PDB file of N, CA and C in Angstrom:
ATOM      1  N   UNK A   1       0.841  -1.167   0.000  1.00  0.00           N
ATOM      2  CA  UNK A   1       0.000   0.000   0.000  1.00  0.00           C
ATOM      3  C   UNK A   1       0.891   1.238   0.000  1.00  0.00           C
ATOM      4  N   UNK A   2       0.529   2.198  -0.849  1.00  0.00           N
ATOM      5  CA  UNK A   2       1.343   3.411  -0.936  1.00  0.00           C
ATOM      6  C   UNK A   2       0.975   4.390   0.181  1.00  0.00           C
ATOM      7  N   UNK A   3       1.859   5.341   0.406  1.00  0.00           N
ATOM      8  CA  UNK A   3       1.594   6.362   1.411  1.00  0.00           C
ATOM      9  C   UNK A   3       0.353   7.174   1.041  1.00  0.00           C
ATOM     10  N   UNK A   4       0.169   7.427  -0.244  1.00  0.00           N
ATOM     11  CA  UNK A   4      -1.013   8.161  -0.697  1.00  0.00           C
ATOM     12  C   UNK A   4      -2.291   7.393  -0.372  1.00  0.00           C
ATOM     13  N   UNK A   5      -2.261   6.081  -0.553  1.00  0.00           N
ATOM     14  CA  UNK A   5      -3.433   5.261  -0.234  1.00  0.00           C
ATOM     15  C   UNK A   5      -3.714   5.275   1.266  1.00  0.00           C
ATOM     16  N   UNK A   6      -2.665   5.223   2.059  1.00  0.00           N
ATOM     17  CA  UNK A   6      -2.837   5.258   3.520  1.00  0.00           C
ATOM     18  C   UNK A   6      -3.461   6.577   3.946  1.00  0.00           C
ATOM     19  N   UNK A   7      -2.994   7.676   3.371  1.00  0.00           N
ATOM     20  CA  UNK A   7      -3.558   8.993   3.693  1.00  0.00           C
ATOM     21  C   UNK A   7      -5.026   9.048   3.273  1.00  0.00           C
ATOM     22  N   UNK A   8      -5.347   8.521   2.103  1.00  0.00           N
ATOM     23  CA  UNK A   8      -6.736   8.517   1.648  1.00  0.00           C
ATOM     24  C   UNK A   8      -7.618   7.684   2.575  1.00  0.00           C
ATOM     25  N   UNK A   9      -7.116   6.527   3.005  1.00  0.00           N
ATOM     26  CA  UNK A   9      -7.855   5.682   3.944  1.00  0.00           C
ATOM     27  C   UNK A   9      -8.116   6.447   5.231  1.00  0.00           C
ATOM     28  N   UNK A  10      -7.089   7.083   5.766  1.00  0.00           N
ATOM     29  CA  UNK A  10      -7.236   7.821   7.023  1.00  0.00           C
ATOM     30  C   UNK A  10      -8.262   8.948   6.885  1.00  0.00           C
ATOM     31  N   UNK A  11      -8.252   9.637   5.748  1.00  0.00           N
ATOM     32  CA  UNK A  11      -9.209  10.719   5.522  1.00  0.00           C
ATOM     33  C   UNK A  11     -10.639  10.176   5.437  1.00  0.00           C
ATOM     34  N   UNK A  12     -10.819   9.067   4.731  1.00  0.00           N
ATOM     35  CA  UNK A  12     -12.153   8.472   4.620  1.00  0.00           C
ATOM     36  C   UNK A  12     -12.648   7.966   5.965  1.00  0.00           C
ATOM     37  N   UNK A  13     -11.771   7.300   6.714  1.00  0.00           N
ATOM     38  CA  UNK A  13     -12.148   6.806   8.042  1.00  0.00           C
ATOM     39  C   UNK A  13     -12.569   7.978   8.922  1.00  0.00           C
ATOM     40  N   UNK A  14     -11.816   9.059   8.896  1.00  0.00           N
ATOM     41  CA  UNK A  14     -12.161  10.230   9.701  1.00  0.00           C
ATOM     42  C   UNK A  14     -13.536  10.778   9.301  1.00  0.00           C
ATOM     43  N   UNK A  15     -13.789  10.878   8.005  1.00  0.00           N
ATOM     44  CA  UNK A  15     -15.077  11.393   7.526  1.00  0.00           C
ATOM     45  C   UNK A  15     -16.236  10.502   7.953  1.00  0.00           C
ATOM     46  N   UNK A  16     -16.051   9.188   7.809  1.00  0.00           N
ATOM     47  CA  UNK A  16     -17.097   8.246   8.198  1.00  0.00           C
ATOM     48  C   UNK A  16     -17.294   8.275   9.708  1.00  0.00           C
ATOM     49  N   UNK A  17     -16.188   8.356  10.449  1.00  0.00           N
ATOM     50  CA  UNK A  17     -16.276   8.433  11.908  1.00  0.00           C
ATOM     51  C   UNK A  17     -17.115   9.634  12.333  1.00  0.00           C
ATOM     52  N   UNK A  18     -16.894  10.768  11.690  1.00  0.00           N
ATOM     53  CA  UNK A  18     -17.657  11.973  12.019  1.00  0.00           C
ATOM     54  C   UNK A  18     -19.146  11.774  11.757  1.00  0.00           C
ATOM     55  N   UNK A  19     -19.491  11.054  10.692  1.00  0.00           N
ATOM     56  CA  UNK A  19     -20.903  10.783  10.381  1.00  0.00           C
ATOM     57  C   UNK A  19     -21.557   9.860  11.405  1.00  0.00           C
ATOM     58  N   UNK A  20     -20.791   8.921  11.933  1.00  0.00           N
ATOM     59  CA  UNK A  20     -21.352   7.901  12.820  1.00  0.00           C
ATOM     60  C   UNK A  20     -21.196   8.227  14.307  1.00  0.00           C
ATOM     61  N   UNK A  21     -20.333   9.160  14.639  1.00  0.00           N
ATOM     62  CA  UNK A  21     -20.031   9.489  16.043  1.00  0.00           C
ATOM     63  C   UNK A  21     -21.311   9.824  16.800  1.00  0.00           C
ATOM     64  N   UNK A  22     -21.480   9.158  17.952  1.00  0.00           N
ATOM     65  CA  UNK A  22     -22.603   9.442  18.820  1.00  0.00           C
ATOM     66  C   UNK A  22     -23.895   8.726  18.454  1.00  0.00           C
ATOM     67  N   UNK A  23     -23.885   7.979  17.373  1.00  0.00           N
ATOM     68  CA  UNK A  23     -25.096   7.274  16.961  1.00  0.00           C
ATOM     69  C   UNK A  23     -25.216   5.945  17.691  1.00  0.00           C
ATOM     70  N   UNK A  24     -26.417   5.409  17.671  1.00  0.00           N
ATOM     71  CA  UNK A  24     -26.699   4.132  18.320  1.00  0.00           C
ATOM     72  C   UNK A  24     -25.805   3.034  17.744  1.00  0.00           C
ATOM     73  N   UNK A  25     -25.185   2.230  18.609  1.00  0.00           N
ATOM     74  CA  UNK A  25     -24.303   1.162  18.121  1.00  0.00           C
ATOM     75  C   UNK A  25     -24.997   0.175  17.170  1.00  0.00           C
ATOM     76  N   UNK A  26     -26.291  -0.067  17.367  1.00  0.00           N
ATOM     77  CA  UNK A  26     -27.015  -0.964  16.465  1.00  0.00           C
ATOM     78  C   UNK A  26     -27.089  -0.368  15.064  1.00  0.00           C
ATOM     79  N   UNK A  27     -27.327   0.933  14.984  1.00  0.00           N
ATOM     80  CA  UNK A  27     -27.354   1.614  13.693  1.00  0.00           C
ATOM     81  C   UNK A  27     -25.983   1.555  13.028  1.00  0.00           C
ATOM     82  N   UNK A  28     -24.934   1.804  13.801  1.00  0.00           N
ATOM     83  CA  UNK A  28     -23.571   1.751  13.251  1.00  0.00           C
ATOM     84  C   UNK A  28     -23.279   0.354  12.717  1.00  0.00           C
ATOM     85  N   UNK A  29     -23.646  -0.672  13.473  1.00  0.00           N
ATOM     86  CA  UNK A  29     -23.441  -2.044  13.023  1.00  0.00           C
ATOM     87  C   UNK A  29     -24.166  -2.332  11.717  1.00  0.00           C
ATOM     88  N   UNK A  30     -25.388  -1.822  11.592  1.00  0.00           N
ATOM     89  CA  UNK A  30     -26.159  -2.037  10.361  1.00  0.00           C
ATOM     90  C   UNK A  30     -25.501  -1.335   9.173  1.00  0.00           C
ATOM     91  N   UNK A  31     -25.013  -0.125   9.389  1.00  0.00           N
ATOM     92  CA  UNK A  31     -24.324   0.613   8.323  1.00  0.00           C
ATOM     93  C   UNK A  31     -23.075  -0.143   7.881  1.00  0.00           C
ATOM     94  N   UNK A  32     -22.282  -0.590   8.851  1.00  0.00           N
ATOM     95  CA  UNK A  32     -21.048  -1.318   8.519  1.00  0.00           C
ATOM     96  C   UNK A  32     -21.349  -2.633   7.811  1.00  0.00           C
ATOM     97  N   UNK A  33     -22.411  -3.335   8.245  1.00  0.00           N
ATOM     98  CA  UNK A  33     -22.793  -4.585   7.585  1.00  0.00           C
ATOM     99  C   UNK A  33     -23.208  -4.328   6.137  1.00  0.00           C
ATOM    100  N   UNK A  34     -23.950  -3.258   5.902  1.00  0.00           N
ATOM    101  CA  UNK A  34     -24.380  -2.922   4.552  1.00  0.00           C
ATOM    102  C   UNK A  34     -23.172  -2.615   3.671  1.00  0.00           C
ATOM    103  N   UNK A  35     -22.247  -1.816   4.184  1.00  0.00           N
ATOM    104  CA  UNK A  35     -21.050  -1.480   3.409  1.00  0.00           C
ATOM    105  C   UNK A  35     -20.192  -2.714   3.133  1.00  0.00           C
ATOM    106  N   UNK A  36     -20.052  -3.581   4.139  1.00  0.00           N
ATOM    107  CA  UNK A  36     -19.267  -4.803   3.963  1.00  0.00           C
ATOM    108  C   UNK A  36     -19.904  -5.702   2.909  1.00  0.00           C
ATOM    109  N   UNK A  37     -21.230  -5.805   2.925  1.00  0.00           N
ATOM    110  CA  UNK A  37     -21.898  -6.655   1.929  1.00  0.00           C
ATOM    111  C   UNK A  37     -21.736  -6.089   0.516  1.00  0.00           C
ATOM    112  N   UNK A  38     -21.707  -4.777   0.399  1.00  0.00           N
ATOM    113  CA  UNK A  38     -21.458  -4.168  -0.921  1.00  0.00           C
ATOM    114  C   UNK A  38     -20.056  -4.495  -1.414  1.00  0.00           C
ATOM    115  N   UNK A  39     -19.091  -4.412  -0.503  1.00  0.00           N
ATOM    116  CA  UNK A  39     -17.710  -4.723  -0.865  1.00  0.00           C
ATOM    117  C   UNK A  39     -17.577  -6.183  -1.285  1.00  0.00           C
ATOM    118  N   UNK A  40     -18.119  -7.080  -0.471  1.00  0.00           N
ATOM    119  CA  UNK A  40     -18.030  -8.506  -0.799  1.00  0.00           C
ATOM    120  C   UNK A  40     -18.801  -8.837  -2.067  1.00  0.00           C
ATOM    121  N   UNK A  41     -19.949  -8.221  -2.241  1.00  0.00           N
ATOM    122  CA  UNK A  41     -20.762  -8.480  -3.425  1.00  0.00           C
ATOM    123  C   UNK A  41     -20.070  -8.104  -4.728  1.00  0.00           C
ATOM    124  N   UNK A  42     -19.105  -7.214  -4.644  1.00  0.00           N
ATOM    125  CA  UNK A  42     -18.369  -6.797  -5.834  1.00  0.00           C
ATOM    126  C   UNK A  42     -17.287  -7.767  -6.270  1.00  0.00           C
ATOM    127  N   UNK A  43     -17.089  -8.840  -5.525  1.00  0.00           N
ATOM    128  CA  UNK A  43     -16.073  -9.838  -5.862  1.00  0.00           C
ATOM    129  C   UNK A  43     -16.770 -11.078  -6.416  1.00  0.00           C
ATOM    130  N   UNK A  44     -16.522 -11.354  -7.678  1.00  0.00           N
ATOM    131  CA  UNK A  44     -17.178 -12.498  -8.303  1.00  0.00           C
ATOM    132  C   UNK A  44     -16.195 -13.307  -9.150  1.00  0.00           C
ATOM    133  N   UNK A  45     -16.536 -14.554  -9.334  1.00  0.00           N
ATOM    134  CA  UNK A  45     -15.846 -15.429 -10.273  1.00  0.00           C
ATOM    135  C   UNK A  45     -16.826 -15.642 -11.418  1.00  0.00           C
ATOM    136  N   UNK A  46     -16.561 -15.018 -12.559  1.00  0.00           N
ATOM    137  CA  UNK A  46     -17.491 -15.070 -13.685  1.00  0.00           C
ATOM    138  C   UNK A  46     -17.716 -16.481 -14.207  1.00  0.00           C
ATOM    139  N   UNK A  47     -16.815 -17.397 -13.887  1.00  0.00           N
ATOM    140  CA  UNK A  47     -16.913 -18.760 -14.393  1.00  0.00           C
ATOM    141  C   UNK A  47     -17.597 -19.725 -13.431  1.00  0.00           C
ATOM    142  N   UNK A  48     -17.817 -19.303 -12.181  1.00  0.00           N
ATOM    143  CA  UNK A  48     -18.289 -20.279 -11.215  1.00  0.00           C
ATOM    144  C   UNK A  48     -19.010 -19.625 -10.033  1.00  0.00           C
ATOM    145  N   UNK A  49     -20.239 -20.063  -9.816  1.00  0.00           N
ATOM    146  CA  UNK A  49     -20.974 -19.594  -8.644  1.00  0.00           C
ATOM    147  C   UNK A  49     -20.276 -20.068  -7.362  1.00  0.00           C
ATOM    148  N   UNK A  50     -19.768 -21.303  -7.374  1.00  0.00           N
ATOM    149  CA  UNK A  50     -19.029 -21.812  -6.216  1.00  0.00           C
ATOM    150  C   UNK A  50     -17.741 -21.024  -6.000  1.00  0.00           C
ATOM    151  N   UNK A  51     -17.099 -20.655  -7.104  1.00  0.00           N
ATOM    152  CA  UNK A  51     -15.888 -19.843  -7.008  1.00  0.00           C
ATOM    153  C   UNK A  51     -16.176 -18.493  -6.378  1.00  0.00           C
ATOM    154  N   UNK A  52     -17.300 -17.904  -6.755  1.00  0.00           N
ATOM    155  CA  UNK A  52     -17.710 -16.631  -6.163  1.00  0.00           C
ATOM    156  C   UNK A  52     -17.901 -16.792  -4.662  1.00  0.00           C
ATOM    157  N   UNK A  53     -18.575 -17.857  -4.268  1.00  0.00           N
ATOM    158  CA  UNK A  53     -18.797 -18.112  -2.842  1.00  0.00           C
ATOM    159  C   UNK A  53     -17.463 -18.273  -2.107  1.00  0.00           C
ATOM    160  N   UNK A  54     -16.522 -19.019  -2.698  1.00  0.00           N
ATOM    161  CA  UNK A  54     -15.217 -19.232  -2.058  1.00  0.00           C
ATOM    162  C   UNK A  54     -14.446 -17.921  -1.918  1.00  0.00           C
ATOM    163  N   UNK A  55     -14.458 -17.105  -2.971  1.00  0.00           N
ATOM    164  CA  UNK A  55     -13.751 -15.825  -2.933  1.00  0.00           C
ATOM    165  C   UNK A  55     -14.305 -14.947  -1.813  1.00  0.00           C
ATOM    166  N   UNK A  56     -15.632 -14.837  -1.778  1.00  0.00           N
ATOM    167  CA  UNK A  56     -16.267 -13.983  -0.767  1.00  0.00           C
ATOM    168  C   UNK A  56     -16.026 -14.506   0.640  1.00  0.00           C
ATOM    169  N   UNK A  57     -16.097 -15.815   0.817  1.00  0.00           N
ATOM    170  CA  UNK A  57     -15.868 -16.402   2.142  1.00  0.00           C
ATOM    171  C   UNK A  57     -14.433 -16.151   2.602  1.00  0.00           C
ATOM    172  N   UNK A  58     -13.476 -16.315   1.695  1.00  0.00           N
ATOM    173  CA  UNK A  58     -12.070 -16.090   2.058  1.00  0.00           C
ATOM    174  C   UNK A  58     -11.819 -14.619   2.376  1.00  0.00           C
ATOM    175  N   UNK A  59     -12.374 -13.712   1.581  1.00  0.00           N
ATOM    176  CA  UNK A  59     -12.210 -12.283   1.862  1.00  0.00           C
ATOM    177  C   UNK A  59     -12.829 -11.921   3.208  1.00  0.00           C
ATOM    178  N   UNK A  60     -13.969 -12.504   3.521  1.00  0.00           N
ATOM    179  CA  UNK A  60     -14.607 -12.227   4.803  1.00  0.00           C
ATOM    180  C   UNK A  60     -13.747 -12.737   5.955  1.00  0.00           C
ATOM    181  N   UNK A  61     -13.166 -13.922   5.808  1.00  0.00           N
ATOM    182  CA  UNK A  61     -12.272 -14.451   6.851  1.00  0.00           C
ATOM    183  C   UNK A  61     -11.074 -13.524   7.058  1.00  0.00           C
ATOM    184  N   UNK A  62     -10.461 -13.089   5.961  1.00  0.00           N
ATOM    185  CA  UNK A  62      -9.309 -12.186   6.049  1.00  0.00           C
ATOM    186  C   UNK A  62      -9.721 -10.875   6.705  1.00  0.00           C
ATOM    187  N   UNK A  63     -10.863 -10.369   6.319  1.00  0.00           N
ATOM    188  CA  UNK A  63     -11.358  -9.105   6.857  1.00  0.00           C
ATOM    189  C   UNK A  63     -11.583  -9.211   8.370  1.00  0.00           C
ATOM    190  N   UNK A  64     -12.228 -10.277   8.804  1.00  0.00           N
ATOM    191  CA  UNK A  64     -12.497 -10.461  10.239  1.00  0.00           C
ATOM    192  C   UNK A  64     -11.193 -10.575  11.017  1.00  0.00           C
ATOM    193  N   UNK A  65     -10.216 -11.334  10.480  1.00  0.00           N
ATOM    194  CA  UNK A  65      -8.913 -11.440  11.155  1.00  0.00           C
ATOM    195  C   UNK A  65      -8.262 -10.065  11.282  1.00  0.00           C
ATOM    196  N   UNK A  66      -8.331  -9.275  10.232  1.00  0.00           N
ATOM    197  CA  UNK A  66      -7.738  -7.937  10.245  1.00  0.00           C
ATOM    198  C   UNK A  66      -8.415  -7.060  11.292  1.00  0.00           C
ATOM    199  N   UNK A  67      -9.743  -7.099  11.327  1.00  0.00           N
ATOM    200  CA  UNK A  67     -10.485  -6.309  12.314  1.00  0.00           C
ATOM    201  C   UNK A  67     -10.100  -6.741  13.729  1.00  0.00           C
ATOM    202  N   UNK A  68     -10.027  -8.045  13.966  1.00  0.00           N
ATOM    203  CA  UNK A  68      -9.652  -8.548  15.297  1.00  0.00           C
ATOM    204  C   UNK A  68      -8.278  -8.034  15.719  1.00  0.00           C
ATOM    205  N   UNK A  69      -7.351  -7.961  14.777  1.00  0.00           N
ATOM    206  CA  UNK A  69      -6.014  -7.472  15.088  1.00  0.00           C
ATOM    207  C   UNK A  69      -6.013  -5.977  15.385  1.00  0.00           C
ATOM    208  N   UNK A  70      -6.975  -5.247  14.821  1.00  0.00           N
ATOM    209  CA  UNK A  70      -7.035  -3.795  14.994  1.00  0.00           C
ATOM    210  C   UNK A  70      -7.741  -3.371  16.285  1.00  0.00           C
ATOM    211  N   UNK A  71      -8.521  -4.261  16.890  1.00  0.00           N
ATOM    212  CA  UNK A  71      -9.342  -3.900  18.045  1.00  0.00           C
ATOM    213  C   UNK A  71      -8.528  -3.324  19.206  1.00  0.00           C
ATOM    214  N   UNK A  72      -7.418  -3.940  19.637  1.00  0.00           N
ATOM    215  CA  UNK A  72      -6.680  -3.359  20.777  1.00  0.00           C
ATOM    216  C   UNK A  72      -6.241  -1.914  20.535  1.00  0.00           C
ATOM    217  N   UNK A  73      -5.715  -1.623  19.361  1.00  0.00           N
ATOM    218  CA  UNK A  73      -5.271  -0.264  19.058  1.00  0.00           C
ATOM    219  C   UNK A  73      -6.460   0.692  19.008  1.00  0.00           C
ATOM    220  N   UNK A  74      -7.544   0.259  18.394  1.00  0.00           N
ATOM    221  CA  UNK A  74      -8.740   1.106  18.295  1.00  0.00           C
ATOM    222  C   UNK A  74      -9.317   1.396  19.669  1.00  0.00           C
ATOM    223  N   UNK A  75      -9.375   0.376  20.529  1.00  0.00           N
ATOM    224  CA  UNK A  75      -9.895   0.579  21.891  1.00  0.00           C
ATOM    225  C   UNK A  75      -9.022   1.596  22.622  1.00  0.00           C
ATOM    226  N   UNK A  76      -7.720   1.466  22.482  1.00  0.00           N
ATOM    227  CA  UNK A  76      -6.785   2.395  23.137  1.00  0.00           C
ATOM    228  C   UNK A  76      -6.989   3.821  22.601  1.00  0.00           C
ATOM    229  N   UNK A  77      -7.193   3.948  21.289  1.00  0.00           N
ATOM    230  CA  UNK A  77      -7.384   5.260  20.664  1.00  0.00           C
ATOM    231  C   UNK A  77      -8.596   5.981  21.225  1.00  0.00           C
ATOM    232  N   UNK A  78      -9.649   5.230  21.557  1.00  0.00           N
ATOM    233  CA  UNK A  78     -10.858   5.893  22.069  1.00  0.00           C
ATOM    234  C   UNK A  78     -10.902   5.897  23.597  1.00  0.00           C
ATOM    235  N   UNK A  79      -9.780   5.507  24.213  1.00  0.00           N
ATOM    236  CA  UNK A  79      -9.658   5.613  25.654  1.00  0.00           C
ATOM    237  C   UNK A  79     -10.303   4.478  26.447  1.00  0.00           C
ATOM    238  N   UNK A  80     -10.456   3.320  25.824  1.00  0.00           N
ATOM    239  CA  UNK A  80     -11.048   2.184  26.516  1.00  0.00           C
ATOM    240  C   UNK A  80     -10.003   1.089  26.718  1.00  0.00           C
ATOM    241  N   UNK A  81     -10.167   0.324  27.791  1.00  0.00           N
ATOM    242  CA  UNK A  81      -9.198  -0.765  28.021  1.00  0.00           C
ATOM    243  C   UNK A  81      -9.411  -1.908  27.040  1.00  0.00           C
ATOM    244  N   UNK A  82      -8.365  -2.660  26.839  1.00  0.00           N
ATOM    245  CA  UNK A  82      -8.484  -3.852  26.003  1.00  0.00           C
ATOM    246  C   UNK A  82      -8.203  -5.026  26.818  1.00  0.00           C
TER     247      UNK A  82
END
């Protein structure tokens, strides 16, 4: 990932954070689930429905592992214990 991409990610995260800050956690979860499903839905194997399922399942596993690794730092950033 380039430095420019990292800066763009940070800017987008900040913008989204500002939109969601202070909202009900259930609403935030629904928004994140909708966005995640859009991202996963964009990954397809044109030759195989099973291939599409495998791609999406693997991306979801990778995504969840990444989120789990980020939780301690994120909790610390917002002033909560991990």
